[in-house]
Protein backbone atom coordinates (compact mmCIF):
# COMPACT_ATOMS: atom_id res chain seq x y z
CA MET A 1 -60.28 -46.98 39.09
CA THR A 2 -58.35 -47.05 42.28
CA ALA A 3 -58.83 -44.58 45.11
CA GLY A 4 -55.44 -42.97 44.35
CA VAL A 5 -56.36 -42.31 40.72
CA THR A 6 -59.75 -40.89 41.75
CA ARG A 7 -58.07 -38.53 44.25
CA ALA A 8 -55.59 -37.39 41.59
CA ILE A 9 -58.42 -36.61 39.15
CA VAL A 10 -60.42 -34.73 41.79
CA ARG A 11 -57.29 -32.78 42.81
CA SER A 12 -56.67 -31.83 39.16
CA ILE A 13 -60.25 -30.62 38.75
CA VAL A 14 -60.07 -28.56 41.96
CA THR A 15 -56.72 -27.06 40.86
CA ALA A 16 -58.15 -26.13 37.45
CA ALA A 17 -61.21 -24.52 39.06
CA ALA A 18 -59.04 -22.56 41.52
CA THR A 19 -56.81 -21.37 38.67
CA ALA A 20 -59.83 -20.28 36.62
CA LEU A 21 -61.22 -18.37 39.62
CA LEU A 22 -57.86 -16.68 40.19
CA LEU A 23 -57.63 -15.63 36.53
CA MET A 24 -61.19 -14.30 36.53
CA THR A 25 -60.46 -12.32 39.70
CA ALA A 26 -57.32 -10.82 38.11
CA ASN A 27 -59.31 -9.88 34.99
CA TRP A 28 -62.02 -8.29 37.15
CA ILE A 29 -59.42 -6.20 39.02
CA GLU A 30 -57.89 -5.09 35.71
CA PHE A 31 -61.33 -4.20 34.33
CA THR A 32 -62.49 -2.23 37.37
CA THR A 33 -59.31 -0.38 38.35
CA LEU A 34 -56.64 -0.53 35.65
CA CYS A 35 -58.46 -0.15 32.30
CA PRO A 36 -56.51 2.73 30.65
CA GLN A 37 -59.34 3.74 28.33
CA HIS A 38 -61.80 4.03 31.23
CA ARG A 39 -59.25 5.99 33.23
CA ALA A 40 -58.94 8.37 30.24
CA TRP A 41 -62.73 8.81 30.25
CA ILE A 42 -62.67 9.60 33.99
CA ARG A 43 -59.84 12.13 33.49
CA ARG A 44 -61.80 13.90 30.75
CA GLN A 45 -64.94 14.05 32.90
CA GLY A 46 -63.00 16.00 35.52
CA ASP A 47 -60.96 18.13 33.08
CA ARG A 48 -62.06 18.57 29.45
CA SER A 49 -58.52 19.66 28.52
CA ALA A 50 -56.85 16.50 29.91
CA ALA A 51 -55.02 14.24 27.47
CA ILE A 52 -56.68 11.04 26.33
CA ARG A 53 -53.41 9.67 24.92
CA SER A 54 -50.08 11.50 24.70
CA GLU A 55 -47.60 8.64 24.56
CA GLY A 56 -47.32 5.11 23.27
CA TYR A 57 -45.94 3.32 20.26
CA MET A 58 -48.87 3.68 17.83
CA VAL A 59 -48.82 6.88 15.79
CA ALA A 60 -50.93 8.25 12.98
CA ARG A 61 -49.79 7.40 9.48
CA PRO A 62 -49.67 9.96 6.65
CA GLY A 63 -53.26 10.68 5.63
CA ASP A 64 -54.73 9.53 8.95
CA VAL A 65 -57.12 11.49 11.11
CA ILE A 66 -57.27 10.86 14.86
CA TYR A 67 -60.74 10.30 16.25
CA ALA A 68 -61.70 10.41 19.92
CA CYS A 69 -64.24 7.64 20.50
CA THR A 70 -66.34 6.48 23.43
CA VAL A 71 -67.56 2.89 23.66
CA GLN A 72 -69.24 0.73 26.27
CA HIS A 73 -66.76 -1.84 27.61
CA CYS A 74 -68.31 -4.81 29.38
CA PHE A 75 -66.81 -7.52 31.56
CA ALA A 76 -67.76 -11.09 30.66
CA GLY A 77 -70.30 -10.11 28.03
CA SER A 78 -72.64 -7.79 29.90
CA PHE A 79 -71.93 -8.56 33.55
CA ASP A 80 -70.71 -5.04 34.30
CA CYS A 81 -70.01 -2.17 31.91
CA HIS A 82 -68.21 1.15 31.92
CA THR A 83 -67.45 3.83 29.34
CA ASP A 84 -64.07 3.89 27.60
CA LEU A 85 -62.50 6.82 25.77
CA ALA A 86 -59.76 6.11 23.23
CA CYS A 87 -57.92 7.60 20.28
CA TYR A 88 -58.33 5.84 16.93
CA CYS A 89 -56.10 6.48 13.92
CA ALA A 90 -57.92 5.90 10.66
CA PRO A 91 -57.80 7.15 7.09
CA ALA A 92 -59.52 10.51 6.62
CA THR A 93 -61.98 8.87 4.22
CA VAL A 94 -63.51 6.75 7.01
CA GLY A 95 -65.37 9.57 8.79
CA SER A 96 -66.48 9.72 12.41
CA GLY A 97 -69.95 8.26 11.79
CA THR A 98 -68.63 5.24 9.92
CA LEU A 99 -65.91 4.62 12.51
CA GLY A 100 -68.45 4.90 15.34
CA GLY A 101 -70.58 2.27 13.62
CA MET A 102 -67.57 -0.01 13.12
CA ILE A 103 -66.58 0.03 16.79
CA GLY A 104 -70.06 0.30 18.26
CA GLY A 105 -69.49 3.71 19.80
CA SER A 106 -69.51 7.43 19.17
CA CYS A 107 -66.58 9.25 17.56
CA SER A 108 -65.53 12.79 16.77
CA VAL A 109 -62.48 14.18 14.97
CA ASP A 110 -59.82 15.13 17.51
CA GLN A 111 -56.83 15.75 15.21
CA PRO A 112 -57.63 16.35 11.51
CA HIS A 113 -53.90 16.72 10.69
CA PRO A 114 -51.96 14.92 13.45
CA SER A 115 -48.43 16.02 14.22
CA ARG A 116 -45.92 14.62 16.71
CA GLU A 117 -45.36 18.16 18.01
CA ASP A 118 -49.07 18.83 18.64
CA ASP A 119 -50.01 19.57 22.26
CA GLN A 120 -53.67 20.40 21.53
CA GLY A 121 -56.74 18.20 21.69
CA GLY A 122 -57.09 14.95 23.58
CA CYS A 123 -54.97 12.73 21.32
CA ARG A 124 -51.60 14.43 21.46
CA HIS A 125 -48.28 13.91 19.69
CA SER A 126 -49.99 11.90 16.93
CA ARG A 127 -50.58 8.97 19.35
CA CYS A 128 -53.48 6.54 19.18
CA ASP A 129 -54.77 3.49 21.04
CA GLU A 130 -55.94 1.68 17.91
CA GLN A 131 -55.11 1.88 14.21
CA LEU A 132 -57.59 0.93 11.54
CA PRO A 133 -56.08 -0.52 8.37
CA PRO A 134 -55.59 1.91 5.51
């Protein structure tokens, strides 16, 4: 190989490494400061009546129950972890214990009969972060 080809290969490797570092840094910033489920958990720690989710495009289907669930969310496997709080829409037959086992967390029923007009509970207006298949 010529010196020019070697320099081009080294430059490509350095560029790829710098890009990977930049992406990892962006993911770390998102994990530590912007994670919406962790921010919901923080809000609820300060005010038990605060909404977990009150807007968004996912809504409960007929026959769904909305569960409020906490899970450990870790960056890069187990490098750093925090607690997330999210609303899960799932069929009423699933049950909070089964759902908790499925997602590796702890769940409780927040809305047994969700309604888009509902202003009570943590998961309001029939909104959820995740939907389990019927």
